[in-house]
Protein backbone atom coordinates (compact mmCIF):
# COMPACT_ATOMS: atom_id res chain seq x y z
CA MET A 1 9.80 4.96 22.66
CA THR A 2 6.08 5.12 21.93
CA GLU A 3 4.74 5.99 18.51
CA LYS A 4 1.15 6.90 17.81
CA PHE A 5 -0.65 6.35 14.54
CA ASP A 6 -4.02 7.47 13.25
CA ALA A 7 -4.51 4.12 11.53
CA ILE A 8 -2.88 0.71 11.23
CA VAL A 9 -3.36 -1.23 8.00
CA VAL A 10 -2.79 -4.97 8.13
CA GLY A 11 -1.67 -6.33 4.78
CA ALA A 12 0.11 -4.89 1.78
CA GLY A 13 -1.95 -6.41 -0.99
CA PRO A 14 -3.95 -4.28 -3.41
CA SER A 15 -6.63 -3.29 -0.89
CA GLY A 16 -4.25 -2.64 1.99
CA ASN A 17 -1.97 -0.54 -0.20
CA ALA A 18 -4.88 1.49 -1.56
CA CYS A 19 -6.21 2.07 1.93
CA ALA A 20 -2.83 3.08 3.41
CA TYR A 21 -1.99 5.31 0.45
CA THR A 22 -5.34 7.10 0.56
CA MET A 23 -5.12 7.79 4.29
CA ALA A 24 -1.48 8.91 4.14
CA LYS A 25 -2.23 11.20 1.20
CA ALA A 26 -5.00 12.75 3.33
CA GLY A 27 -2.43 13.55 6.03
CA LEU A 28 -2.99 10.71 8.47
CA LYS A 29 -0.06 8.99 10.16
CA VAL A 30 -0.37 5.40 8.94
CA LEU A 31 1.45 2.21 9.90
CA GLN A 32 1.17 -0.61 7.36
CA ILE A 33 2.32 -4.09 8.28
CA GLU A 34 2.74 -7.15 6.06
CA ARG A 35 3.77 -10.66 7.07
CA GLY A 36 5.14 -11.54 3.66
CA GLU A 37 8.67 -10.80 2.46
CA TYR A 38 7.40 -8.03 0.15
CA PRO A 39 4.07 -6.32 -0.59
CA GLY A 40 1.67 -8.68 -2.31
CA SER A 41 3.70 -11.83 -1.62
CA LYS A 42 0.73 -13.42 0.15
CA ASN A 43 -1.60 -12.74 -2.80
CA VAL A 44 -4.46 -15.20 -2.50
CA GLN A 45 -7.03 -13.59 -4.79
CA GLY A 46 -5.05 -13.52 -8.03
CA ALA A 47 -4.98 -9.74 -8.21
CA ILE A 48 -3.60 -8.05 -11.27
CA LEU A 49 -2.05 -4.59 -11.21
CA TYR A 50 -3.37 -2.52 -14.08
CA SER A 51 -0.41 -0.19 -14.58
CA ASP A 52 -2.25 2.39 -16.72
CA ALA A 53 -4.88 2.96 -14.04
CA LEU A 54 -2.32 2.80 -11.24
CA GLU A 55 -0.15 5.38 -12.98
CA ARG A 56 -3.08 7.82 -13.04
CA ILE A 57 -3.40 7.50 -9.26
CA ILE A 58 0.33 7.34 -8.39
CA PRO A 59 2.19 8.90 -11.35
CA ASP A 60 5.70 7.73 -10.37
CA PHE A 61 4.79 4.35 -8.88
CA ARG A 62 7.44 2.52 -10.92
CA GLU A 63 10.20 4.69 -9.44
CA ASP A 64 8.73 4.96 -5.92
CA ALA A 65 7.83 1.29 -5.44
CA PRO A 66 9.04 -0.83 -8.36
CA LEU A 67 7.20 -4.12 -8.74
């Protein structure tokens, strides 16, 4: 079985997630891959999730993808 995607995002850190989410929300078929056990597990830049700002972008992020 062959699947086709409009975009492939490598990494599920803050930038990869933002990129994949934005493209999927725009209607693109997106494949996101991550080598870690869970999104952000390979965090090497010390990123912090600012939940107030994130909630404005993805209102139900806590229910959809609890961190």
